[in-house]
PDB file of N, CA and C in Angstrom:
ATOM      1  N   UNK A   1     -22.388 -17.753 -33.022  1.00  0.00           N
ATOM      2  CA  UNK A   1     -21.142 -17.098 -32.301  1.00  0.00           C
ATOM      3  C   UNK A   1     -19.928 -17.240 -33.320  1.00  0.00           C
ATOM      4  N   UNK A   2     -19.233 -16.088 -33.471  1.00  0.00           N
ATOM      5  CA  UNK A   2     -18.225 -16.134 -34.476  1.00  0.00           C
ATOM      6  C   UNK A   2     -17.015 -17.044 -33.897  1.00  0.00           C
ATOM      7  N   UNK A   3     -16.302 -17.584 -34.953  1.00  0.00           N
ATOM      8  CA  UNK A   3     -14.964 -18.295 -34.437  1.00  0.00           C
ATOM      9  C   UNK A   3     -14.018 -17.723 -33.651  1.00  0.00           C
ATOM     10  N   UNK A   4     -13.842 -16.413 -33.881  1.00  0.00           N
ATOM     11  CA  UNK A   4     -13.027 -15.395 -33.096  1.00  0.00           C
ATOM     12  C   UNK A   4     -13.454 -15.271 -31.723  1.00  0.00           C
ATOM     13  N   UNK A   5     -14.758 -15.087 -31.486  1.00  0.00           N
ATOM     14  CA  UNK A   5     -15.302 -15.060 -30.234  1.00  0.00           C
ATOM     15  C   UNK A   5     -15.142 -16.335 -29.385  1.00  0.00           C
ATOM     16  N   UNK A   6     -15.682 -17.360 -30.030  1.00  0.00           N
ATOM     17  CA  UNK A   6     -15.454 -18.730 -29.422  1.00  0.00           C
ATOM     18  C   UNK A   6     -14.076 -19.000 -29.149  1.00  0.00           C
ATOM     19  N   UNK A   7     -13.116 -18.721 -29.809  1.00  0.00           N
ATOM     20  CA  UNK A   7     -11.738 -18.892 -29.450  1.00  0.00           C
ATOM     21  C   UNK A   7     -11.359 -17.994 -28.293  1.00  0.00           C
ATOM     22  N   UNK A   8     -11.630 -16.799 -28.168  1.00  0.00           N
ATOM     23  CA  UNK A   8     -11.354 -15.858 -27.153  1.00  0.00           C
ATOM     24  C   UNK A   8     -12.016 -16.441 -25.839  1.00  0.00           C
ATOM     25  N   UNK A   9     -13.221 -16.952 -25.868  1.00  0.00           N
ATOM     26  CA  UNK A   9     -13.797 -17.506 -24.702  1.00  0.00           C
ATOM     27  C   UNK A   9     -13.055 -18.766 -24.199  1.00  0.00           C
ATOM     28  N   UNK A  10     -12.702 -19.671 -25.205  1.00  0.00           N
ATOM     29  CA  UNK A  10     -12.011 -20.880 -24.745  1.00  0.00           C
ATOM     30  C   UNK A  10     -10.567 -20.493 -24.158  1.00  0.00           C
ATOM     31  N   UNK A  11      -9.876 -19.451 -24.781  1.00  0.00           N
ATOM     32  CA  UNK A  11      -8.725 -19.218 -24.293  1.00  0.00           C
ATOM     33  C   UNK A  11      -8.829 -18.573 -22.643  1.00  0.00           C
ATOM     34  N   UNK A  12      -9.795 -17.854 -22.579  1.00  0.00           N
ATOM     35  CA  UNK A  12     -10.164 -17.245 -21.163  1.00  0.00           C
ATOM     36  C   UNK A  12     -10.369 -18.336 -20.208  1.00  0.00           C
ATOM     37  N   UNK A  13     -11.228 -19.344 -20.710  1.00  0.00           N
ATOM     38  CA  UNK A  13     -11.470 -20.524 -19.740  1.00  0.00           C
ATOM     39  C   UNK A  13     -10.166 -21.395 -19.467  1.00  0.00           C
ATOM     40  N   UNK A  14      -9.369 -21.558 -20.299  1.00  0.00           N
ATOM     41  CA  UNK A  14      -8.261 -22.232 -20.102  1.00  0.00           C
ATOM     42  C   UNK A  14      -7.401 -21.437 -19.012  1.00  0.00           C
ATOM     43  N   UNK A  15      -7.436 -20.075 -19.057  1.00  0.00           N
ATOM     44  CA  UNK A  15      -6.758 -19.211 -17.913  1.00  0.00           C
ATOM     45  C   UNK A  15      -7.505 -19.255 -16.600  1.00  0.00           C
ATOM     46  N   UNK A  16      -8.530 -20.072 -16.543  1.00  0.00           N
ATOM     47  CA  UNK A  16      -9.403 -20.038 -15.388  1.00  0.00           C
ATOM     48  C   UNK A  16      -9.979 -18.770 -14.989  1.00  0.00           C
ATOM     49  N   UNK A  17     -10.437 -17.943 -15.968  1.00  0.00           N
ATOM     50  CA  UNK A  17     -11.107 -16.696 -15.546  1.00  0.00           C
ATOM     51  C   UNK A  17     -12.519 -16.885 -15.104  1.00  0.00           C
ATOM     52  N   UNK A  18     -13.076 -16.191 -14.219  1.00  0.00           N
ATOM     53  CA  UNK A  18     -14.477 -16.389 -13.895  1.00  0.00           C
ATOM     54  C   UNK A  18     -15.455 -16.108 -15.007  1.00  0.00           C
ATOM     55  N   UNK A  19     -16.612 -16.726 -14.961  1.00  0.00           N
ATOM     56  CA  UNK A  19     -17.648 -16.454 -16.087  1.00  0.00           C
ATOM     57  C   UNK A  19     -17.927 -14.965 -16.210  1.00  0.00           C
ATOM     58  N   UNK A  20     -18.094 -14.296 -15.087  1.00  0.00           N
ATOM     59  CA  UNK A  20     -18.339 -12.902 -15.276  1.00  0.00           C
ATOM     60  C   UNK A  20     -17.176 -11.984 -15.901  1.00  0.00           C
ATOM     61  N   UNK A  21     -15.926 -12.429 -15.466  1.00  0.00           N
ATOM     62  CA  UNK A  21     -14.900 -11.788 -16.119  1.00  0.00           C
ATOM     63  C   UNK A  21     -15.004 -11.906 -17.635  1.00  0.00           C
ATOM     64  N   UNK A  22     -15.096 -13.147 -17.972  1.00  0.00           N
ATOM     65  CA  UNK A  22     -15.135 -13.738 -19.425  1.00  0.00           C
ATOM     66  C   UNK A  22     -16.421 -12.871 -20.045  1.00  0.00           C
ATOM     67  N   UNK A  23     -17.520 -12.642 -19.431  1.00  0.00           N
ATOM     68  CA  UNK A  23     -18.669 -12.024 -20.086  1.00  0.00           C
ATOM     69  C   UNK A  23     -18.394 -10.370 -20.258  1.00  0.00           C
ATOM     70  N   UNK A  24     -17.631  -9.970 -19.288  1.00  0.00           N
ATOM     71  CA  UNK A  24     -17.096  -8.504 -19.133  1.00  0.00           C
ATOM     72  C   UNK A  24     -16.170  -8.301 -20.470  1.00  0.00           C
ATOM     73  N   UNK A  25     -15.208  -9.144 -20.420  1.00  0.00           N
ATOM     74  CA  UNK A  25     -14.150  -8.912 -21.563  1.00  0.00           C
ATOM     75  C   UNK A  25     -14.751  -8.914 -23.022  1.00  0.00           C
ATOM     76  N   UNK A  26     -15.780 -10.150 -23.247  1.00  0.00           N
ATOM     77  CA  UNK A  26     -16.401 -10.341 -24.583  1.00  0.00           C
ATOM     78  C   UNK A  26     -17.378  -9.090 -24.832  1.00  0.00           C
ATOM     79  N   UNK A  27     -18.027  -8.466 -23.849  1.00  0.00           N
ATOM     80  CA  UNK A  27     -18.890  -7.384 -24.178  1.00  0.00           C
ATOM     81  C   UNK A  27     -17.964  -6.145 -24.315  1.00  0.00           C
ATOM     82  N   UNK A  28     -16.783  -6.103 -23.825  1.00  0.00           N
ATOM     83  CA  UNK A  28     -16.002  -4.830 -24.029  1.00  0.00           C
ATOM     84  C   UNK A  28     -15.491  -4.970 -25.505  1.00  0.00           C
ATOM     85  N   UNK A  29     -14.897  -6.168 -25.903  1.00  0.00           N
ATOM     86  CA  UNK A  29     -14.404  -6.419 -27.157  1.00  0.00           C
ATOM     87  C   UNK A  29     -15.636  -6.043 -28.327  1.00  0.00           C
ATOM     88  N   UNK A  30     -16.723  -6.524 -28.033  1.00  0.00           N
ATOM     89  CA  UNK A  30     -18.064  -6.210 -28.962  1.00  0.00           C
ATOM     90  C   UNK A  30     -18.290  -4.837 -29.035  1.00  0.00           C
ATOM     91  N   UNK A  31     -18.297  -4.149 -27.811  1.00  0.00           N
ATOM     92  CA  UNK A  31     -18.355  -2.505 -28.080  1.00  0.00           C
ATOM     93  C   UNK A  31     -17.271  -1.903 -28.772  1.00  0.00           C
ATOM     94  N   UNK A  32     -16.033  -2.415 -28.592  1.00  0.00           N
ATOM     95  CA  UNK A  32     -14.948  -1.838 -29.320  1.00  0.00           C
ATOM     96  C   UNK A  32     -15.063  -1.920 -30.892  1.00  0.00           C
ATOM     97  N   UNK A  33     -15.522  -3.232 -31.136  1.00  0.00           N
ATOM     98  CA  UNK A  33     -15.725  -3.600 -32.533  1.00  0.00           C
ATOM     99  C   UNK A  33     -17.119  -2.712 -33.356  1.00  0.00           C
ATOM    100  N   UNK A  34     -18.102  -2.430 -32.183  1.00  0.00           N
ATOM    101  CA  UNK A  34     -19.017  -1.671 -32.681  1.00  0.00           C
ATOM    102  C   UNK A  34     -18.557  -0.233 -33.022  1.00  0.00           C
ATOM    103  N   UNK A  35     -17.888   0.366 -32.109  1.00  0.00           N
ATOM    104  CA  UNK A  35     -17.354   1.721 -32.139  1.00  0.00           C
ATOM    105  C   UNK A  35     -16.649   1.835 -33.573  1.00  0.00           C
ATOM    106  N   UNK A  36     -15.774   0.969 -34.050  1.00  0.00           N
ATOM    107  CA  UNK A  36     -15.050   1.007 -35.208  1.00  0.00           C
ATOM    108  C   UNK A  36     -15.918   0.651 -36.407  1.00  0.00           C
ATOM    109  N   UNK A  37     -17.117  -0.047 -36.220  1.00  0.00           N
ATOM    110  CA  UNK A  37     -17.707  -0.593 -37.189  1.00  0.00           C
ATOM    111  C   UNK A  37     -17.029  -1.726 -38.073  1.00  0.00           C
ATOM    112  N   UNK A  38     -16.291  -2.516 -37.440  1.00  0.00           N
ATOM    113  CA  UNK A  38     -15.878  -3.781 -38.190  1.00  0.00           C
ATOM    114  C   UNK A  38     -15.228  -4.730 -36.997  1.00  0.00           C
ATOM    115  N   UNK A  39     -14.958  -6.018 -37.526  1.00  0.00           N
ATOM    116  CA  UNK A  39     -14.585  -7.066 -36.538  1.00  0.00           C
ATOM    117  C   UNK A  39     -13.282  -6.902 -35.911  1.00  0.00           C
ATOM    118  N   UNK A  40     -13.095  -7.261 -34.714  1.00  0.00           N
ATOM    119  CA  UNK A  40     -11.687  -6.937 -34.101  1.00  0.00           C
ATOM    120  C   UNK A  40     -10.749  -7.570 -34.852  1.00  0.00           C
ATOM    121  N   UNK A  41     -10.897  -8.696 -35.666  1.00  0.00           N
ATOM    122  CA  UNK A  41      -9.870  -9.296 -36.440  1.00  0.00           C
ATOM    123  C   UNK A  41      -9.311  -8.211 -37.499  1.00  0.00           C
ATOM    124  N   UNK A  42     -10.203  -7.298 -37.789  1.00  0.00           N
ATOM    125  CA  UNK A  42      -9.895  -6.284 -38.955  1.00  0.00           C
ATOM    126  C   UNK A  42      -9.271  -5.064 -38.229  1.00  0.00           C
ATOM    127  N   UNK A  43      -9.144  -4.978 -37.088  1.00  0.00           N
ATOM    128  CA  UNK A  43      -8.739  -3.819 -36.550  1.00  0.00           C
ATOM    129  C   UNK A  43      -7.029  -3.787 -36.295  1.00  0.00           C
ATOM    130  N   UNK A  44      -6.592  -2.543 -36.602  1.00  0.00           N
ATOM    131  CA  UNK A  44      -5.023  -2.522 -36.529  1.00  0.00           C
ATOM    132  C   UNK A  44      -4.559  -1.952 -35.185  1.00  0.00           C
ATOM    133  N   UNK A  45      -3.251  -1.776 -35.160  1.00  0.00           N
ATOM    134  CA  UNK A  45      -2.662  -1.151 -34.069  1.00  0.00           C
ATOM    135  C   UNK A  45      -3.097   0.159 -33.633  1.00  0.00           C
ATOM    136  N   UNK A  46      -3.408   1.131 -34.652  1.00  0.00           N
ATOM    137  CA  UNK A  46      -3.763   2.467 -34.417  1.00  0.00           C
ATOM    138  C   UNK A  46      -5.257   2.446 -33.666  1.00  0.00           C
ATOM    139  N   UNK A  47      -6.126   1.674 -34.188  1.00  0.00           N
ATOM    140  CA  UNK A  47      -7.519   1.509 -33.441  1.00  0.00           C
ATOM    141  C   UNK A  47      -7.189   0.947 -32.120  1.00  0.00           C
ATOM    142  N   UNK A  48      -6.577   0.048 -31.989  1.00  0.00           N
ATOM    143  CA  UNK A  48      -6.408  -0.473 -30.607  1.00  0.00           C
ATOM    144  C   UNK A  48      -5.738   0.533 -29.624  1.00  0.00           C
ATOM    145  N   UNK A  49      -4.702   1.332 -30.086  1.00  0.00           N
ATOM    146  CA  UNK A  49      -4.174   2.284 -29.233  1.00  0.00           C
ATOM    147  C   UNK A  49      -5.256   3.571 -28.918  1.00  0.00           C
ATOM    148  N   UNK A  50      -6.076   3.724 -30.095  1.00  0.00           N
ATOM    149  CA  UNK A  50      -7.181   4.937 -29.802  1.00  0.00           C
ATOM    150  C   UNK A  50      -8.159   4.341 -28.771  1.00  0.00           C
ATOM    151  N   UNK A  51      -8.493   3.113 -28.954  1.00  0.00           N
ATOM    152  CA  UNK A  51      -9.540   2.440 -27.933  1.00  0.00           C
ATOM    153  C   UNK A  51      -8.896   2.355 -26.502  1.00  0.00           C
ATOM    154  N   UNK A  52      -7.696   2.270 -26.316  1.00  0.00           N
ATOM    155  CA  UNK A  52      -6.956   2.126 -24.986  1.00  0.00           C
ATOM    156  C   UNK A  52      -6.634   3.754 -24.375  1.00  0.00           C
ATOM    157  N   UNK A  53      -6.758   4.691 -25.132  1.00  0.00           N
ATOM    158  CA  UNK A  53      -6.663   6.025 -24.664  1.00  0.00           C
ATOM    159  C   UNK A  53      -7.984   6.515 -23.812  1.00  0.00           C
ATOM    160  N   UNK A  54      -7.741   7.099 -22.846  1.00  0.00           N
ATOM    161  CA  UNK A  54      -8.977   7.737 -22.096  1.00  0.00           C
ATOM    162  C   UNK A  54      -9.669   8.689 -23.063  1.00  0.00           C
ATOM    163  N   UNK A  55     -11.033   8.694 -22.897  1.00  0.00           N
ATOM    164  CA  UNK A  55     -11.836   9.671 -23.717  1.00  0.00           C
ATOM    165  C   UNK A  55     -11.425  11.059 -23.212  1.00  0.00           C
ATOM    166  N   UNK A  56     -11.240  12.086 -24.173  1.00  0.00           N
ATOM    167  CA  UNK A  56     -10.962  13.350 -23.917  1.00  0.00           C
ATOM    168  C   UNK A  56      -9.560  13.640 -23.634  1.00  0.00           C
ATOM    169  N   UNK A  57      -8.774  12.552 -23.802  1.00  0.00           N
ATOM    170  CA  UNK A  57      -7.285  12.709 -23.691  1.00  0.00           C
ATOM    171  C   UNK A  57      -6.710  13.667 -24.975  1.00  0.00           C
ATOM    172  N   UNK A  58      -5.595  14.301 -24.810  1.00  0.00           N
ATOM    173  CA  UNK A  58      -5.199  15.173 -25.898  1.00  0.00           C
ATOM    174  C   UNK A  58      -5.025  14.325 -27.249  1.00  0.00           C
ATOM    175  N   UNK A  59      -4.658  13.061 -27.219  1.00  0.00           N
ATOM    176  CA  UNK A  59      -4.540  12.204 -28.203  1.00  0.00           C
ATOM    177  C   UNK A  59      -5.676  11.957 -29.043  1.00  0.00           C
ATOM    178  N   UNK A  60      -6.963  12.067 -28.365  1.00  0.00           N
ATOM    179  CA  UNK A  60      -8.164  11.745 -28.765  1.00  0.00           C
ATOM    180  C   UNK A  60      -8.968  12.794 -29.206  1.00  0.00           C
ATOM    181  N   UNK A  61      -8.574  14.124 -28.865  1.00  0.00           N
ATOM    182  CA  UNK A  61      -9.250  15.448 -29.219  1.00  0.00           C
ATOM    183  C   UNK A  61      -9.002  16.021 -30.571  1.00  0.00           C
ATOM    184  N   UNK A  62      -8.141  15.676 -31.288  1.00  0.00           N
ATOM    185  CA  UNK A  62      -7.769  16.099 -32.583  1.00  0.00           C
ATOM    186  C   UNK A  62      -6.605  17.300 -32.343  1.00  0.00           C
ATOM    187  N   UNK A  63      -6.494  17.955 -33.417  1.00  0.00           N
ATOM    188  CA  UNK A  63      -5.445  19.060 -33.242  1.00  0.00           C
ATOM    189  C   UNK A  63      -5.884  20.151 -32.378  1.00  0.00           C
ATOM    190  N   UNK A  64      -4.768  20.789 -31.664  1.00  0.00           N
ATOM    191  CA  UNK A  64      -5.076  21.807 -30.663  1.00  0.00           C
ATOM    192  C   UNK A  64      -5.230  23.005 -31.413  1.00  0.00           C
ATOM    193  N   UNK A  65      -6.218  23.907 -30.895  1.00  0.00           N
ATOM    194  CA  UNK A  65      -6.512  25.024 -31.565  1.00  0.00           C
ATOM    195  C   UNK A  65      -5.296  26.147 -31.709  1.00  0.00           C
ATOM    196  N   UNK A  66      -5.066  26.809 -32.720  1.00  0.00           N
ATOM    197  CA  UNK A  66      -3.937  27.470 -33.083  1.00  0.00           C
ATOM    198  C   UNK A  66      -4.251  28.909 -32.963  1.00  0.00           C
TER     199      UNK A  66
END
């Protein structure tokens, strides 16, 4: 387990999140990292914003046809 993942889990335990919530959050972050092909620690603001936008939103579809 990476130090970043361990810290994330420890922080969530301190906040008394349920084990299932922790598991869901860890899996979501892992999927997010896989999508971008690098560690969450290496992702910047733009990647985070892209990941938060709903799929198929105008911001994720690229330029509008002209």
